[in-house]
Amino acid sequence: MSVTPAENAASKKVPLRQLGNSGVEVSALGIGGHHLGLIARERDAIEIVREAIDAGVTFMDNAWEYHEGKSEKRMGKALAGGWREQVFLMSKVCTHGRDSKTAMRQLEESLRRLGTDYLDLWQIHEVAYYNDPQRHFMKGGVVEALTMAKDQGKVRFVGFTGHKDPALHLEMLSYDYPFDTCQLPLNAFDATFRSFERMVLPELHKRGIAPIGMKSLGGEGDSAKKRAISAQESLSYAMSLPVATTVSGIDSMKVLRQNLKVARGFTPLMPTEMAALRQKVASFAADGRFETYKVTANHEGAVGRKQHGFKSEEEMAM
């Protein structure tokens, strides 16, 4: 059977998926904002974002605290000049237990840095401490800011993120707030160790909340570097799960193109292929060595540490 020009063009684009019950479609692969701040030259970061958009990537991830605002500023510059209209723009609010006034101030700063008057999605960042849900839902807490921002038209959708423990995600959900999205770590290792895939993903679908996957390589890519699983296998596994998008940290054009090679015209793995990958990494998964965000505080950001009374990594190294 011959392939039409339209079908051939579609096969070279990153496919779109439904964002939960929102009625909106987003690309199956997303660009992580944190890594944009790690790139040595700003112009290289801008080029990565724009090449990704040209390839069909629409989902843009960021957070108020990433590199003290540098990541948002870089993304804002990349989206200037008509690029903003081509993407679904998300950033995260980083109160870490502070009040709704702090949250709204952060929102205004994020909007200014990103060069936009609204966000498509605003999420509570890094639910990682065991009193976080209580703090977020307290009277005058950040959850009230989510509702306020939505009512004011400054954000279209709201959600929360975290990487520490599935129990924290389930506690956030237990308040029955109408979240539109939830971001969570999903990879082949997670499937058999304190599993978000098994414990949280079904609950999100039950509630009609769009799952946003992250940390497909375990956050630092050590699993691929040590050849427990290849980068292509890791991303393929994560994108084959029933998620709206998989956010990937991209710090070079080489990594972007490797990821696009997987994402263009992506077809989910078969259940037998997924099971084989889970089995392949099972012996490495049991102690969390490739998911250190679950078993150490190494991935907790400096702003969150400060709000919870802990020293930053730099302070502890002194």
Protein backbone atom coordinates (compact mmCIF):
# COMPACT_ATOMS: atom_id res chain seq x y z
CA MET A 1 0.00 0.00 0.00
CA SER A 2 1.44 3.38 -0.98
CA VAL A 3 1.83 6.16 1.59
CA THR A 4 0.24 9.52 0.80
CA PRO A 5 2.27 12.74 1.21
CA ALA A 6 0.07 13.72 4.14
CA GLU A 7 0.62 10.38 5.87
CA ASN A 8 4.35 10.61 5.27
CA ALA A 9 4.46 14.11 6.78
CA ALA A 10 2.44 12.96 9.79
CA SER A 11 4.85 10.09 10.42
CA LYS A 12 7.67 12.61 10.83
CA LYS A 13 5.83 14.64 13.47
CA VAL A 14 5.56 13.97 17.18
CA PRO A 15 2.03 12.61 17.74
CA LEU A 16 -0.57 14.49 19.78
CA ARG A 17 -2.54 13.10 22.72
CA GLN A 18 -5.52 14.20 24.77
CA LEU A 19 -4.75 16.08 27.98
CA GLY A 20 -7.17 14.24 30.25
CA ASN A 21 -10.69 15.64 30.08
CA SER A 22 -9.53 19.12 29.06
CA GLY A 23 -10.43 18.81 25.38
CA VAL A 24 -6.90 19.95 24.53
CA GLU A 25 -4.22 17.96 22.70
CA VAL A 26 -0.51 18.12 23.54
CA SER A 27 2.55 16.46 22.04
CA ALA A 28 3.50 13.02 23.36
CA LEU A 29 6.98 14.38 24.08
CA GLY A 30 7.58 17.51 26.15
CA ILE A 31 10.60 19.76 26.73
CA GLY A 32 11.82 19.97 30.33
CA GLY A 33 12.61 23.49 31.49
CA HIS A 34 15.22 22.63 34.13
CA HIS A 35 17.79 21.43 31.62
CA LEU A 36 17.46 24.61 29.55
CA GLY A 37 19.14 26.43 32.40
CA LEU A 38 22.10 24.04 32.33
CA ILE A 39 23.08 24.85 28.74
CA ALA A 40 26.17 27.02 28.55
CA ARG A 41 24.96 29.40 25.85
CA GLU A 42 21.53 30.98 25.88
CA ARG A 43 21.25 30.95 22.09
CA ASP A 44 21.74 27.16 22.08
CA ALA A 45 18.84 26.75 24.53
CA ILE A 46 16.66 28.92 22.30
CA GLU A 47 17.58 26.89 19.22
CA ILE A 48 16.71 23.63 21.00
CA VAL A 49 13.24 24.90 21.92
CA ARG A 50 12.52 26.14 18.41
CA GLU A 51 13.79 23.01 16.67
CA ALA A 52 11.60 20.95 18.99
CA ILE A 53 8.56 23.06 18.08
CA ASP A 54 9.32 22.67 14.37
CA ALA A 55 9.33 18.89 14.91
CA GLY A 56 5.86 19.00 16.48
CA VAL A 57 6.68 19.29 20.20
CA THR A 58 4.07 21.53 21.81
CA PHE A 59 4.36 20.80 25.54
CA MET A 60 6.75 23.13 27.38
CA ASP A 61 7.65 22.48 31.03
CA ASN A 62 9.19 25.00 33.44
CA ALA A 63 9.16 26.20 37.07
CA TRP A 64 9.47 29.52 38.86
CA GLU A 65 12.56 28.40 40.78
CA TYR A 66 14.58 26.71 38.02
CA HIS A 67 18.03 28.31 38.09
CA GLU A 68 16.61 31.38 39.85
CA GLY A 69 14.42 32.21 36.89
CA LYS A 70 16.96 31.65 34.13
CA SER A 71 15.04 28.71 32.65
CA GLU A 72 11.82 30.72 32.36
CA LYS A 73 13.66 33.69 30.86
CA ARG A 74 15.32 31.49 28.24
CA MET A 75 12.05 29.86 27.33
CA GLY A 76 10.40 33.26 27.13
CA LYS A 77 13.01 34.42 24.64
CA ALA A 78 12.61 31.21 22.62
CA LEU A 79 8.84 31.73 22.42
CA ALA A 80 8.98 35.40 21.46
CA GLY A 81 8.09 36.47 17.93
CA GLY A 82 5.08 34.23 17.37
CA TRP A 83 6.37 30.94 18.83
CA ARG A 84 4.22 31.21 21.98
CA GLU A 85 1.04 30.59 19.99
CA GLN A 86 2.38 27.21 18.84
CA VAL A 87 2.86 25.66 22.27
CA PHE A 88 1.11 24.51 25.43
CA LEU A 89 3.04 26.41 28.10
CA MET A 90 3.34 25.12 31.64
CA SER A 91 5.19 26.43 34.67
CA LYS A 92 5.16 25.51 38.34
CA VAL A 93 4.52 27.50 41.48
CA CYS A 94 7.15 26.96 44.17
CA THR A 95 5.67 28.08 47.48
CA HIS A 96 6.73 24.87 49.27
CA GLY A 97 4.15 25.52 51.95
CA ARG A 98 3.92 29.31 51.82
CA ASP A 99 0.67 31.17 51.28
CA SER A 100 -1.45 32.04 48.26
CA LYS A 101 -0.15 35.63 48.16
CA THR A 102 3.37 34.29 47.61
CA ALA A 103 1.99 31.98 44.92
CA MET A 104 0.28 34.82 43.04
CA ARG A 105 3.43 36.92 43.20
CA GLN A 106 5.39 34.02 41.71
CA LEU A 107 2.79 33.65 38.98
CA GLU A 108 3.23 37.28 37.94
CA GLU A 109 7.00 36.81 37.86
CA SER A 110 6.66 33.66 35.75
CA LEU A 111 4.34 35.40 33.29
CA ARG A 112 6.78 38.28 32.94
CA ARG A 113 9.79 36.04 32.40
CA LEU A 114 7.95 33.87 29.90
CA GLY A 115 6.63 36.87 28.00
CA THR A 116 2.98 35.84 28.14
CA ASP A 117 -0.21 37.01 29.80
CA TYR A 118 -1.42 33.51 30.66
CA LEU A 119 -0.18 29.96 31.26
CA ASP A 120 -1.86 26.95 29.73
CA LEU A 121 -1.00 25.00 32.86
CA TRP A 122 0.17 25.99 36.35
CA GLN A 123 1.22 23.22 38.72
CA ILE A 124 2.26 23.01 42.37
CA HIS A 125 5.93 22.06 42.28
CA GLU A 126 7.63 19.20 44.07
CA VAL A 127 5.24 17.65 46.58
CA ALA A 128 8.13 15.89 48.33
CA TYR A 129 7.81 16.41 52.08
CA TYR A 130 5.29 14.51 54.15
CA ASN A 131 3.50 17.61 55.44
CA ASP A 132 3.31 19.21 51.98
CA PRO A 133 -0.30 18.22 51.22
CA GLN A 134 -1.48 19.68 54.53
CA ARG A 135 0.42 22.91 53.87
CA HIS A 136 -0.86 23.23 50.31
CA PHE A 137 -4.49 22.77 51.34
CA MET A 138 -4.36 24.94 54.48
CA LYS A 139 -6.56 28.03 54.64
CA GLY A 140 -4.84 30.68 52.54
CA GLY A 141 -2.52 28.09 50.97
CA VAL A 142 -1.32 27.61 47.41
CA VAL A 143 -4.40 25.64 46.34
CA GLU A 144 -6.49 28.76 46.84
CA ALA A 145 -4.12 30.54 44.44
CA LEU A 146 -4.75 27.86 41.80
CA THR A 147 -8.47 28.61 41.92
CA MET A 148 -7.90 32.37 41.99
CA ALA A 149 -5.54 32.29 38.98
CA LYS A 150 -7.95 30.15 37.00
CA ASP A 151 -10.87 32.45 37.83
CA GLN A 152 -8.81 35.47 36.72
CA GLY A 153 -7.94 33.86 33.38
CA LYS A 154 -4.23 33.86 34.11
CA VAL A 155 -4.05 30.07 33.85
CA ARG A 156 -6.21 27.63 31.91
CA PHE A 157 -5.52 24.42 33.81
CA VAL A 158 -3.96 23.46 37.17
CA GLY A 159 -2.18 20.47 38.66
CA PHE A 160 0.63 19.30 40.93
CA THR A 161 3.93 17.48 40.63
CA GLY A 162 6.22 15.34 42.76
CA HIS A 163 8.77 12.56 42.63
CA LYS A 164 9.23 11.28 46.19
CA ASP A 165 6.52 8.82 47.18
CA PRO A 166 3.28 7.59 45.58
CA ALA A 167 1.61 8.01 48.99
CA LEU A 168 2.07 11.78 48.77
CA HIS A 169 0.35 11.90 45.38
CA LEU A 170 -2.52 9.84 46.72
CA GLU A 171 -2.84 12.15 49.72
CA MET A 172 -3.00 15.19 47.43
CA LEU A 173 -5.74 13.46 45.45
CA SER A 174 -7.65 12.56 48.62
CA TYR A 175 -8.68 16.21 49.05
CA ASP A 176 -10.80 15.81 45.88
CA TYR A 177 -9.69 19.14 44.43
CA PRO A 178 -10.47 19.33 40.68
CA PHE A 179 -6.90 19.07 39.39
CA ASP A 180 -6.59 18.91 35.62
CA THR A 181 -3.14 17.31 35.59
CA CYS A 182 -0.61 15.49 37.73
CA GLN A 183 3.11 15.09 36.95
CA LEU A 184 4.87 11.97 38.21
CA PRO A 185 8.03 9.89 37.59
CA LEU A 186 7.38 6.99 35.25
CA ASN A 187 9.99 4.59 33.91
CA ALA A 188 10.77 0.89 33.72
CA PHE A 189 12.44 0.91 37.16
CA ASP A 190 9.47 2.58 38.85
CA ALA A 191 7.22 -0.28 37.81
CA THR A 192 8.62 -2.55 40.54
CA PHE A 193 9.82 -0.10 43.22
CA ARG A 194 7.49 2.26 45.16
CA SER A 195 5.60 2.39 41.92
CA PHE A 196 3.79 5.50 40.71
CA GLU A 197 2.78 3.49 37.66
CA ARG A 198 0.93 0.91 39.72
CA MET A 199 -0.35 3.06 42.59
CA VAL A 200 -1.05 6.52 41.15
CA LEU A 201 -1.57 6.20 37.40
CA PRO A 202 -4.81 4.15 37.70
CA GLU A 203 -6.20 6.66 40.21
CA LEU A 204 -5.52 9.55 37.87
CA HIS A 205 -7.39 7.84 35.05
CA LYS A 206 -10.25 7.04 37.40
CA ARG A 207 -10.55 10.75 38.21
CA GLY A 208 -10.06 12.01 34.65
CA ILE A 209 -6.82 13.78 35.58
CA ALA A 210 -4.19 13.92 32.84
CA PRO A 211 -0.94 12.13 33.80
CA ILE A 212 2.28 13.88 32.78
CA GLY A 213 5.27 11.56 32.88
CA MET A 214 8.79 12.64 33.83
CA LYS A 215 12.18 11.12 34.73
CA SER A 216 12.02 8.51 31.99
CA LEU A 217 15.79 8.03 32.48
CA GLY A 218 15.61 8.21 36.27
CA GLY A 219 16.42 11.90 36.46
CA GLU A 220 20.14 11.71 35.79
CA GLY A 221 20.53 9.13 33.03
CA ASP A 222 22.77 6.82 35.09
CA SER A 223 20.74 3.80 34.04
CA ALA A 224 21.69 4.36 30.40
CA LYS A 225 25.29 5.32 31.21
CA LYS A 226 25.73 2.07 33.15
CA ARG A 227 23.92 0.11 30.44
CA ALA A 228 21.11 -1.23 32.59
CA ILE A 229 18.76 -0.04 29.84
CA SER A 230 19.26 2.10 26.76
CA ALA A 231 18.02 5.67 26.49
CA GLN A 232 15.81 4.65 23.57
CA GLU A 233 14.26 1.77 25.57
CA SER A 234 13.69 4.06 28.56
CA LEU A 235 11.91 6.74 26.57
CA SER A 236 9.92 4.18 24.58
CA TYR A 237 8.71 2.55 27.81
CA ALA A 238 7.67 5.87 29.36
CA MET A 239 5.89 7.07 26.22
CA SER A 240 4.04 3.75 25.92
CA LEU A 241 2.30 4.28 29.24
CA PRO A 242 -1.18 5.89 29.21
CA VAL A 243 0.08 9.46 29.73
CA ALA A 244 -0.71 12.72 27.99
CA THR A 245 2.95 13.56 27.53
CA THR A 246 6.42 12.56 28.73
CA VAL A 247 8.61 15.50 29.77
CA SER A 248 12.25 14.96 28.92
CA GLY A 249 15.23 17.00 30.08
CA ILE A 250 17.19 18.04 26.98
CA ASP A 251 20.51 19.84 27.35
CA SER A 252 21.90 19.54 23.82
CA MET A 253 20.79 19.35 20.22
CA LYS A 254 22.18 15.79 20.14
CA VAL A 255 19.85 14.67 22.94
CA LEU A 256 16.90 16.45 21.32
CA ARG A 257 17.45 14.65 18.04
CA GLN A 258 17.87 11.30 19.79
CA ASN A 259 14.54 11.83 21.54
CA LEU A 260 12.84 13.01 18.37
CA LYS A 261 14.00 9.85 16.64
CA VAL A 262 11.96 7.89 19.19
CA ALA A 263 9.01 10.28 19.30
CA ARG A 264 8.35 10.91 15.61
CA GLY A 265 5.44 8.75 14.50
CA PHE A 266 5.66 6.94 17.86
CA THR A 267 3.82 3.63 18.22
CA PRO A 268 3.46 2.34 21.80
CA LEU A 269 5.28 -0.85 22.72
CA MET A 270 3.29 -4.07 22.94
CA PRO A 271 2.43 -5.37 26.45
CA THR A 272 4.92 -8.20 25.99
CA GLU A 273 7.65 -5.68 25.14
CA MET A 274 6.80 -3.59 28.20
CA ALA A 275 6.92 -6.69 30.41
CA ALA A 276 10.29 -7.66 28.95
CA LEU A 277 11.77 -4.25 29.82
CA ARG A 278 10.40 -4.43 33.36
CA GLN A 279 11.96 -7.85 33.75
CA LYS A 280 15.25 -6.65 32.26
CA VAL A 281 15.72 -3.98 34.94
CA ALA A 282 14.01 -5.72 37.88
CA SER A 283 17.27 -6.67 39.60
CA PHE A 284 18.42 -3.03 39.49
CA ALA A 285 15.08 -1.58 40.56
CA ALA A 286 14.71 -3.07 44.04
CA ASP A 287 17.00 -0.65 45.91
CA GLY A 288 16.23 2.56 44.05
CA ARG A 289 19.79 3.04 42.77
CA PHE A 290 18.50 4.51 39.50
CA GLU A 291 15.65 6.41 41.15
CA THR A 292 17.57 8.29 43.81
CA TYR A 293 14.83 10.94 44.01
CA LYS A 294 12.77 8.34 45.90
CA VAL A 295 15.43 7.30 48.43
CA THR A 296 17.54 10.43 49.00
CA ALA A 297 17.04 14.19 49.27
CA ASN A 298 19.42 14.81 46.37
CA HIS A 299 16.64 15.95 44.04
CA GLU A 300 14.89 18.30 46.45
CA GLY A 301 15.37 21.88 45.31
CA ALA A 302 17.04 24.58 47.36
CA VAL A 303 13.84 26.62 47.76
CA GLY A 304 11.95 23.65 49.19
CA ARG A 305 14.82 22.74 51.51
CA LYS A 306 14.89 26.28 52.89
CA GLN A 307 11.14 26.40 53.51
CA HIS A 308 11.33 23.12 55.40
CA GLY A 309 14.34 24.20 57.46
CA PHE A 310 17.02 22.10 55.76
CA LYS A 311 20.38 23.25 54.43
CA SER A 312 20.98 23.43 50.71
CA GLU A 313 23.42 21.02 49.08
CA GLU A 314 25.95 23.84 48.84
CA GLU A 315 25.63 24.64 52.55
CA MET A 316 26.04 20.99 53.51
CA ALA A 317 29.18 20.73 51.36
CA MET A 318 30.90 23.56 53.27
